[in-house]
PDB file of N, CA and C in Angstrom:
ATOM      1  N   GLY A   1       3.700   5.235 -18.746  1.00  0.00           N
ATOM      2  CA  GLY A   1       3.639   5.646 -20.797  1.00  0.00           C
ATOM      3  C   GLY A   1       5.018   6.364 -20.729  1.00  0.00           C
ATOM      4  N   ILE A   2       5.264   7.013 -21.938  1.00  0.00           N
ATOM      5  CA  ILE A   2       6.727   7.859 -22.244  1.00  0.00           C
ATOM      6  C   ILE A   2       7.249   8.241 -20.839  1.00  0.00           C
ATOM      7  N   MET A   3       6.840   9.542 -19.683  1.00  0.00           N
ATOM      8  CA  MET A   3       6.861  10.188 -19.091  1.00  0.00           C
ATOM      9  C   MET A   3       7.999   8.741 -17.810  1.00  0.00           C
ATOM     10  N   ASN A   4       6.868   8.379 -17.394  1.00  0.00           N
ATOM     11  CA  ASN A   4       7.632   6.888 -17.077  1.00  0.00           C
ATOM     12  C   ASN A   4       8.656   6.777 -17.334  1.00  0.00           C
ATOM     13  N   GLN A   5       8.931   6.044 -18.707  1.00  0.00           N
ATOM     14  CA  GLN A   5      10.436   6.281 -19.249  1.00  0.00           C
ATOM     15  C   GLN A   5      10.962   6.439 -19.130  1.00  0.00           C
ATOM     16  N   LEU A   6      10.713   7.978 -19.716  1.00  0.00           N
ATOM     17  CA  LEU A   6      11.883   9.192 -19.436  1.00  0.00           C
ATOM     18  C   LEU A   6      12.400   8.775 -17.841  1.00  0.00           C
ATOM     19  N   TYR A   7      11.364   9.072 -17.197  1.00  0.00           N
ATOM     20  CA  TYR A   7      11.776   9.306 -16.335  1.00  0.00           C
ATOM     21  C   TYR A   7      12.725   8.434 -15.343  1.00  0.00           C
ATOM     22  N   ASP A   8      12.733   6.934 -16.041  1.00  0.00           N
ATOM     23  CA  ASP A   8      13.575   5.736 -15.788  1.00  0.00           C
ATOM     24  C   ASP A   8      15.115   6.035 -15.779  1.00  0.00           C
ATOM     25  N   VAL A   9      14.978   6.052 -17.982  1.00  0.00           N
ATOM     26  CA  VAL A   9      15.921   6.542 -18.363  1.00  0.00           C
ATOM     27  C   VAL A   9      16.752   7.839 -17.328  1.00  0.00           C
ATOM     28  N   MET A  10      17.049   9.073 -16.950  1.00  0.00           N
ATOM     29  CA  MET A  10      17.295   9.498 -16.220  1.00  0.00           C
ATOM     30  C   MET A  10      17.259   9.470 -15.139  1.00  0.00           C
ATOM     31  N   TYR A  11      16.420   8.781 -14.783  1.00  0.00           N
ATOM     32  CA  TYR A  11      17.216   8.003 -13.011  1.00  0.00           C
ATOM     33  C   TYR A  11      18.936   7.217 -13.000  1.00  0.00           C
ATOM     34  N   GLU A  12      18.754   6.363 -13.918  1.00  0.00           N
ATOM     35  CA  GLU A  12      19.642   5.380 -14.315  1.00  0.00           C
ATOM     36  C   GLU A  12      20.871   6.494 -14.584  1.00  0.00           C
ATOM     37  N   PHE A  13      20.313   7.176 -15.264  1.00  0.00           N
ATOM     38  CA  PHE A  13      21.460   7.966 -16.171  1.00  0.00           C
ATOM     39  C   PHE A  13      21.920   9.139 -15.217  1.00  0.00           C
ATOM     40  N   ASN A  14      20.950   9.778 -14.717  1.00  0.00           N
ATOM     41  CA  ASN A  14      21.385  10.917 -14.046  1.00  0.00           C
ATOM     42  C   ASN A  14      22.283  11.623 -14.946  1.00  0.00           C
ATOM     43  N   PHE A  15      21.601  12.043 -15.708  1.00  0.00           N
ATOM     44  CA  PHE A  15      21.262  13.489 -16.161  1.00  0.00           C
ATOM     45  C   PHE A  15      20.053  14.004 -16.452  1.00  0.00           C
ATOM     46  N   SER A  16      19.654  16.008 -17.118  1.00  0.00           N
ATOM     47  CA  SER A  16      19.246  15.924 -17.555  1.00  0.00           C
ATOM     48  C   SER A  16      18.449  16.855 -18.807  1.00  0.00           C
ATOM     49  N   LEU A  17      17.476  17.065 -19.039  1.00  0.00           N
ATOM     50  CA  LEU A  17      17.797  17.613 -20.392  1.00  0.00           C
ATOM     51  C   LEU A  17      17.109  19.487 -20.798  1.00  0.00           C
ATOM     52  N   PRO A  18      17.832  19.721 -21.293  1.00  0.00           N
ATOM     53  CA  PRO A  18      17.960  21.292 -22.058  1.00  0.00           C
ATOM     54  C   PRO A  18      16.522  21.181 -21.946  1.00  0.00           C
ATOM     55  N   PRO A  19      15.838  22.607 -21.890  1.00  0.00           N
ATOM     56  CA  PRO A  19      14.201  23.104 -22.093  1.00  0.00           C
ATOM     57  C   PRO A  19      13.843  22.655 -22.065  1.00  0.00           C
ATOM     58  N   ASP A  20      14.376  22.560 -23.902  1.00  0.00           N
ATOM     59  CA  ASP A  20      14.162  22.452 -25.330  1.00  0.00           C
ATOM     60  C   ASP A  20      13.564  21.416 -25.275  1.00  0.00           C
ATOM     61  N   TYR A  21      13.921  20.597 -25.587  1.00  0.00           N
ATOM     62  CA  TYR A  21      13.917  18.372 -25.405  1.00  0.00           C
ATOM     63  C   TYR A  21      12.988  18.192 -24.480  1.00  0.00           C
ATOM     64  N   ALA A  22      12.800  19.506 -22.984  1.00  0.00           N
ATOM     65  CA  ALA A  22      11.839  18.908 -22.117  1.00  0.00           C
ATOM     66  C   ALA A  22      10.399  19.371 -22.401  1.00  0.00           C
ATOM     67  N   LEU A  23      10.208  20.052 -22.868  1.00  0.00           N
ATOM     68  CA  LEU A  23       8.912  20.880 -23.554  1.00  0.00           C
ATOM     69  C   LEU A  23       8.148  20.262 -24.585  1.00  0.00           C
ATOM     70  N   VAL A  24       9.847  19.055 -25.825  1.00  0.00           N
ATOM     71  CA  VAL A  24       9.059  18.171 -26.676  1.00  0.00           C
ATOM     72  C   VAL A  24       9.133  16.487 -25.711  1.00  0.00           C
ATOM     73  N   ILE A  25       9.576  16.822 -24.481  1.00  0.00           N
ATOM     74  CA  ILE A  25       8.582  14.946 -24.263  1.00  0.00           C
ATOM     75  C   ILE A  25       7.377  15.220 -23.943  1.00  0.00           C
ATOM     76  N   ARG A  26       7.623  17.042 -22.855  1.00  0.00           N
ATOM     77  CA  ARG A  26       6.010  17.204 -21.970  1.00  0.00           C
ATOM     78  C   ARG A  26       4.796  16.326 -23.523  1.00  0.00           C
ATOM     79  N   ALA A  27       5.368  17.913 -24.918  1.00  0.00           N
ATOM     80  CA  ALA A  27       4.741  17.507 -26.081  1.00  0.00           C
ATOM     81  C   ALA A  27       3.765  16.108 -26.108  1.00  0.00           C
ATOM     82  N   LEU A  28       4.775  14.833 -26.157  1.00  0.00           N
ATOM     83  CA  LEU A  28       5.022  13.584 -25.973  1.00  0.00           C
ATOM     84  C   LEU A  28       3.860  12.898 -25.798  1.00  0.00           C
ATOM     85  N   GLY A  29       4.279  13.461 -24.301  1.00  0.00           N
ATOM     86  CA  GLY A  29       3.332  12.381 -23.408  1.00  0.00           C
ATOM     87  C   GLY A  29       2.500  13.094 -23.841  1.00  0.00           C
ATOM     88  N   SER A  30       1.501  14.887 -24.172  1.00  0.00           N
ATOM     89  CA  SER A  30      -0.310  14.900 -23.958  1.00  0.00           C
ATOM     90  C   SER A  30       0.006  13.901 -25.902  1.00  0.00           C
ATOM     91  N   LEU A  31       0.223  14.299 -26.507  1.00  0.00           N
ATOM     92  CA  LEU A  31      -0.799  12.932 -27.422  1.00  0.00           C
ATOM     93  C   LEU A  31      -0.189  12.031 -27.472  1.00  0.00           C
ATOM     94  N   GLU A  32       0.904  11.027 -26.634  1.00  0.00           N
ATOM     95  CA  GLU A  32       0.317  10.033 -25.788  1.00  0.00           C
ATOM     96  C   GLU A  32      -0.712   9.458 -25.905  1.00  0.00           C
ATOM     97  N   GLY A  33      -1.537  10.316 -25.074  1.00  0.00           N
ATOM     98  CA  GLY A  33      -2.523  10.717 -24.013  1.00  0.00           C
ATOM     99  C   GLY A  33      -3.736   9.489 -25.412  1.00  0.00           C
ATOM    100  N   THR A  34      -4.018  11.165 -26.416  1.00  0.00           N
ATOM    101  CA  THR A  34      -4.387  10.669 -27.409  1.00  0.00           C
ATOM    102  C   THR A  34      -4.792  10.276 -27.829  1.00  0.00           C
ATOM    103  N   ALA A  35      -3.359   9.047 -29.203  1.00  0.00           N
ATOM    104  CA  ALA A  35      -2.582   8.081 -30.134  1.00  0.00           C
ATOM    105  C   ALA A  35      -3.136   7.366 -28.974  1.00  0.00           C
ATOM    106  N   LYS A  36      -2.739   6.760 -28.113  1.00  0.00           N
ATOM    107  CA  LYS A  36      -4.113   5.439 -26.526  1.00  0.00           C
ATOM    108  C   LYS A  36      -4.470   5.593 -27.173  1.00  0.00           C
ATOM    109  N   ILE A  37      -5.653   6.589 -26.928  1.00  0.00           N
ATOM    110  CA  ILE A  37      -7.301   6.574 -26.722  1.00  0.00           C
ATOM    111  C   ILE A  37      -7.693   6.268 -28.363  1.00  0.00           C
ATOM    112  N   LEU A  38      -6.801   6.822 -29.540  1.00  0.00           N
ATOM    113  CA  LEU A  38      -6.859   6.218 -31.478  1.00  0.00           C
ATOM    114  C   LEU A  38      -6.943   4.357 -31.362  1.00  0.00           C
ATOM    115  N   ASP A  39      -5.996   4.288 -31.163  1.00  0.00           N
ATOM    116  CA  ASP A  39      -4.899   3.113 -30.795  1.00  0.00           C
ATOM    117  C   ASP A  39      -4.215   2.685 -30.524  1.00  0.00           C
ATOM    118  N   PRO A  40      -5.134   1.648 -29.297  1.00  0.00           N
ATOM    119  CA  PRO A  40      -4.503   1.319 -28.379  1.00  0.00           C
ATOM    120  C   PRO A  40      -3.207   0.542 -28.409  1.00  0.00           C
ATOM    121  N   ASP A  41      -2.670  -0.185 -29.799  1.00  0.00           N
ATOM    122  CA  ASP A  41      -1.725  -0.433 -29.261  1.00  0.00           C
ATOM    123  C   ASP A  41      -0.509   0.169 -30.158  1.00  0.00           C
ATOM    124  N   PHE A  42      -0.627   2.014 -29.800  1.00  0.00           N
ATOM    125  CA  PHE A  42       0.859   2.400 -30.776  1.00  0.00           C
ATOM    126  C   PHE A  42       1.409   2.964 -29.154  1.00  0.00           C
ATOM    127  N   GLN A  43       3.014   2.539 -30.093  1.00  0.00           N
ATOM    128  CA  GLN A  43       3.713   2.740 -29.357  1.00  0.00           C
ATOM    129  C   GLN A  43       4.340   3.844 -29.713  1.00  0.00           C
ATOM    130  N   VAL A  44       4.379   4.534 -29.066  1.00  0.00           N
ATOM    131  CA  VAL A  44       4.741   6.695 -29.011  1.00  0.00           C
ATOM    132  C   VAL A  44       6.600   6.022 -28.615  1.00  0.00           C
ATOM    133  N   VAL A  45       6.836   5.307 -27.941  1.00  0.00           N
ATOM    134  CA  VAL A  45       8.387   6.060 -28.180  1.00  0.00           C
ATOM    135  C   VAL A  45       9.252   4.941 -28.783  1.00  0.00           C
ATOM    136  N   GLU A  46       8.820   4.268 -29.938  1.00  0.00           N
ATOM    137  CA  GLU A  46       8.860   3.157 -30.348  1.00  0.00           C
ATOM    138  C   GLU A  46       8.838   4.364 -32.522  1.00  0.00           C
ATOM    139  N   SER A  47       8.304   4.907 -32.329  1.00  0.00           N
ATOM    140  CA  SER A  47       7.833   5.881 -33.608  1.00  0.00           C
ATOM    141  C   SER A  47       8.719   6.943 -33.319  1.00  0.00           C
ATOM    142  N   ALA A  48       9.072   7.057 -32.082  1.00  0.00           N
ATOM    143  CA  ALA A  48       9.517   8.630 -32.778  1.00  0.00           C
ATOM    144  C   ALA A  48      11.062   8.369 -32.110  1.00  0.00           C
ATOM    145  N   TYR A  49      11.502   7.222 -32.356  1.00  0.00           N
ATOM    146  CA  TYR A  49      12.885   6.461 -31.593  1.00  0.00           C
ATOM    147  C   TYR A  49      14.028   7.428 -32.625  1.00  0.00           C
ATOM    148  N   PRO A  50      13.898   6.858 -34.284  1.00  0.00           N
ATOM    149  CA  PRO A  50      14.417   7.514 -34.324  1.00  0.00           C
ATOM    150  C   PRO A  50      14.540   9.036 -35.257  1.00  0.00           C
ATOM    151  N   TYR A  51      13.750   9.543 -34.851  1.00  0.00           N
ATOM    152  CA  TYR A  51      13.817  10.918 -34.642  1.00  0.00           C
ATOM    153  C   TYR A  51      14.920  11.612 -33.605  1.00  0.00           C
ATOM    154  N   VAL A  52      14.657  11.114 -32.216  1.00  0.00           N
ATOM    155  CA  VAL A  52      14.861  11.167 -31.489  1.00  0.00           C
ATOM    156  C   VAL A  52      17.203  11.774 -31.625  1.00  0.00           C
ATOM    157  N   ILE A  53      16.672  10.113 -31.971  1.00  0.00           N
ATOM    158  CA  ILE A  53      18.133   9.887 -31.771  1.00  0.00           C
ATOM    159  C   ILE A  53      19.101  10.596 -32.899  1.00  0.00           C
ATOM    160  N   GLY A  54      17.900  11.440 -34.282  1.00  0.00           N
ATOM    161  CA  GLY A  54      18.249  12.023 -35.240  1.00  0.00           C
ATOM    162  C   GLY A  54      19.168  13.249 -35.319  1.00  0.00           C
ATOM    163  N   ARG A  55      17.651  14.123 -34.186  1.00  0.00           N
ATOM    164  CA  ARG A  55      18.395  14.851 -33.476  1.00  0.00           C
ATOM    165  C   ARG A  55      19.789  14.980 -32.440  1.00  0.00           C
ATOM    166  N   LEU A  56      19.843  14.247 -31.656  1.00  0.00           N
ATOM    167  CA  LEU A  56      20.147  14.048 -31.016  1.00  0.00           C
ATOM    168  C   LEU A  56      21.706  14.411 -31.645  1.00  0.00           C
ATOM    169  N   LEU A  57      22.398  13.654 -32.900  1.00  0.00           N
ATOM    170  CA  LEU A  57      22.748  12.811 -33.551  1.00  0.00           C
ATOM    171  C   LEU A  57      23.462  14.200 -34.322  1.00  0.00           C
ATOM    172  N   ALA A  58      22.639  15.881 -34.788  1.00  0.00           N
ATOM    173  CA  ALA A  58      22.943  16.865 -35.073  1.00  0.00           C
ATOM    174  C   ALA A  58      23.215  17.688 -34.602  1.00  0.00           C
ATOM    175  N   ASP A  59      22.873  17.421 -32.806  1.00  0.00           N
ATOM    176  CA  ASP A  59      22.625  18.270 -32.212  1.00  0.00           C
ATOM    177  C   ASP A  59      24.414  19.071 -32.626  1.00  0.00           C
ATOM    178  N   PRO A  60      24.907  19.404 -31.917  1.00  0.00           N
ATOM    179  CA  PRO A  60      26.660  20.074 -31.719  1.00  0.00           C
ATOM    180  C   PRO A  60      26.862  19.711 -30.169  1.00  0.00           C
ATOM    181  N   THR A  61      26.274  20.746 -30.080  1.00  0.00           N
ATOM    182  CA  THR A  61      26.476  20.646 -27.768  1.00  0.00           C
ATOM    183  C   THR A  61      26.828  18.658 -26.665  1.00  0.00           C
ATOM    184  N   HIS A  62      28.022  18.716 -26.346  1.00  0.00           N
ATOM    185  CA  HIS A  62      28.774  18.493 -25.692  1.00  0.00           C
ATOM    186  C   HIS A  62      28.053  17.597 -24.662  1.00  0.00           C
ATOM    187  N   ASP A  63      26.866  17.433 -24.781  1.00  0.00           N
ATOM    188  CA  ASP A  63      25.674  17.662 -23.599  1.00  0.00           C
ATOM    189  C   ASP A  63      25.193  16.280 -24.655  1.00  0.00           C
ATOM    190  N   MET A  64      24.607  16.336 -25.940  1.00  0.00           N
ATOM    191  CA  MET A  64      23.692  16.140 -26.738  1.00  0.00           C
ATOM    192  C   MET A  64      24.309  14.490 -26.851  1.00  0.00           C
ATOM    193  N   ARG A  65      25.423  15.186 -27.345  1.00  0.00           N
ATOM    194  CA  ARG A  65      26.413  13.280 -27.857  1.00  0.00           C
ATOM    195  C   ARG A  65      27.067  12.984 -26.786  1.00  0.00           C
ATOM    196  N   LYS A  66      27.030  13.184 -25.698  1.00  0.00           N
ATOM    197  CA  LYS A  66      27.572  12.067 -24.015  1.00  0.00           C
ATOM    198  C   LYS A  66      25.947  11.647 -23.730  1.00  0.00           C
ATOM    199  N   ILE A  67      24.708  12.361 -24.254  1.00  0.00           N
ATOM    200  CA  ILE A  67      23.294  11.826 -24.408  1.00  0.00           C
ATOM    201  C   ILE A  67      23.244  10.036 -24.980  1.00  0.00           C
ATOM    202  N   LEU A  68      23.653  10.540 -26.827  1.00  0.00           N
ATOM    203  CA  LEU A  68      23.601   9.730 -26.784  1.00  0.00           C
ATOM    204  C   LEU A  68      25.058   7.849 -26.746  1.00  0.00           C
ATOM    205  N   ARG A  69      25.058   8.777 -26.281  1.00  0.00           N
ATOM    206  CA  ARG A  69      26.912   8.373 -26.183  1.00  0.00           C
ATOM    207  C   ARG A  69      25.743   6.724 -25.181  1.00  0.00           C
ATOM    208  N   GLU A  70      25.152   7.678 -23.987  1.00  0.00           N
ATOM    209  CA  GLU A  70      25.050   6.358 -22.648  1.00  0.00           C
ATOM    210  C   GLU A  70      23.714   6.343 -23.585  1.00  0.00           C
ATOM    211  N   LEU A  71      22.916   6.747 -24.400  1.00  0.00           N
ATOM    212  CA  LEU A  71      21.466   5.457 -24.638  1.00  0.00           C
ATOM    213  C   LEU A  71      21.908   4.070 -25.420  1.00  0.00           C
ATOM    214  N   LEU A  72      22.964   4.843 -26.251  1.00  0.00           N
ATOM    215  CA  LEU A  72      23.672   3.537 -27.681  1.00  0.00           C
ATOM    216  C   LEU A  72      24.529   2.793 -27.223  1.00  0.00           C
ATOM    217  N   ILE A  73      25.006   3.153 -25.656  1.00  0.00           N
ATOM    218  CA  ILE A  73      26.658   2.369 -25.242  1.00  0.00           C
ATOM    219  C   ILE A  73      26.622   1.777 -23.962  1.00  0.00           C
ATOM    220  N   CYS A  74      27.007   0.844 -24.165  1.00  0.00           N
ATOM    221  CA  CYS A  74      26.707   0.048 -22.318  1.00  0.00           C
ATOM    222  C   CYS A  74      28.010   0.029 -21.410  1.00  0.00           C
ATOM    223  N   ASN A  75      27.917   0.723 -19.859  1.00  0.00           N
ATOM    224  CA  ASN A  75      28.880   1.290 -19.804  1.00  0.00           C
ATOM    225  C   ASN A  75      29.779  -0.258 -19.825  1.00  0.00           C
ATOM    226  N   ASN A  76      30.175  -0.648 -19.756  1.00  0.00           N
ATOM    227  CA  ASN A  76      31.282  -1.788 -20.561  1.00  0.00           C
ATOM    228  C   ASN A  76      31.770  -1.343 -21.936  1.00  0.00           C
ATOM    229  N   GLY A  77      30.795  -0.332 -22.618  1.00  0.00           N
ATOM    230  CA  GLY A  77      32.182  -0.057 -23.820  1.00  0.00           C
ATOM    231  C   GLY A  77      30.897  -1.355 -25.396  1.00  0.00           C
ATOM    232  N   SER A  78      30.156  -1.916 -23.979  1.00  0.00           N
ATOM    233  CA  SER A  78      29.735  -2.953 -25.648  1.00  0.00           C
ATOM    234  C   SER A  78      28.381  -1.952 -26.576  1.00  0.00           C
ATOM    235  N   ILE A  79      27.800  -1.598 -27.359  1.00  0.00           N
ATOM    236  CA  ILE A  79      27.034  -1.325 -28.128  1.00  0.00           C
ATOM    237  C   ILE A  79      25.642  -2.591 -27.983  1.00  0.00           C
ATOM    238  N   ARG A  80      24.817  -1.261 -28.036  1.00  0.00           N
ATOM    239  CA  ARG A  80      22.917  -2.068 -27.367  1.00  0.00           C
ATOM    240  C   ARG A  80      22.424  -2.017 -28.820  1.00  0.00           C
ATOM    241  N   TRP A  81      22.986  -3.454 -29.672  1.00  0.00           N
ATOM    242  CA  TRP A  81      22.847  -3.227 -30.520  1.00  0.00           C
ATOM    243  C   TRP A  81      20.766  -2.819 -30.735  1.00  0.00           C
ATOM    244  N   ASN A  82      20.051  -3.531 -30.219  1.00  0.00           N
ATOM    245  CA  ASN A  82      18.879  -3.381 -30.119  1.00  0.00           C
ATOM    246  C   ASN A  82      18.720  -2.641 -30.537  1.00  0.00           C
ATOM    247  N   ARG A  83      19.059  -0.860 -29.637  1.00  0.00           N
ATOM    248  CA  ARG A  83      18.668   0.497 -29.950  1.00  0.00           C
ATOM    249  C   ARG A  83      18.568   0.400 -31.697  1.00  0.00           C
ATOM    250  N   LEU A  84      20.545   0.580 -31.230  1.00  0.00           N
ATOM    251  CA  LEU A  84      20.344   0.763 -33.416  1.00  0.00           C
ATOM    252  C   LEU A  84      19.476   0.740 -34.091  1.00  0.00           C
ATOM    253  N   GLU A  85      19.141  -0.855 -34.069  1.00  0.00           N
ATOM    254  CA  GLU A  85      18.879  -2.019 -35.703  1.00  0.00           C
ATOM    255  C   GLU A  85      17.575  -0.734 -35.435  1.00  0.00           C
ATOM    256  N   ARG A  86      16.246  -0.014 -34.168  1.00  0.00           N
ATOM    257  CA  ARG A  86      15.253   0.020 -33.981  1.00  0.00           C
ATOM    258  C   ARG A  86      15.555   1.905 -35.177  1.00  0.00           C
ATOM    259  N   LEU A  87      16.761   2.475 -35.359  1.00  0.00           N
ATOM    260  CA  LEU A  87      16.855   3.235 -36.493  1.00  0.00           C
ATOM    261  C   LEU A  87      16.302   3.061 -37.114  1.00  0.00           C
TER     262      LEU A  87
END
């Protein structure tokens, strides 16, 4: 589910979320269970991705800009086009 994916990303990029964002992720985790009961094919992460990126773009803090860069740019400096296409 979404929580496992989040933990994988946090481990891979060695970052932690501010408390407000962590609460949103927990709420999404709860909603994911309900959504999967109603529609087993529903993809929470894909549905939420544009909103999350929009929030990261709107947040003026250095930490959020850093997270956005880590999500969209590979370690070698190349752009993760597949992630941008989902926006």
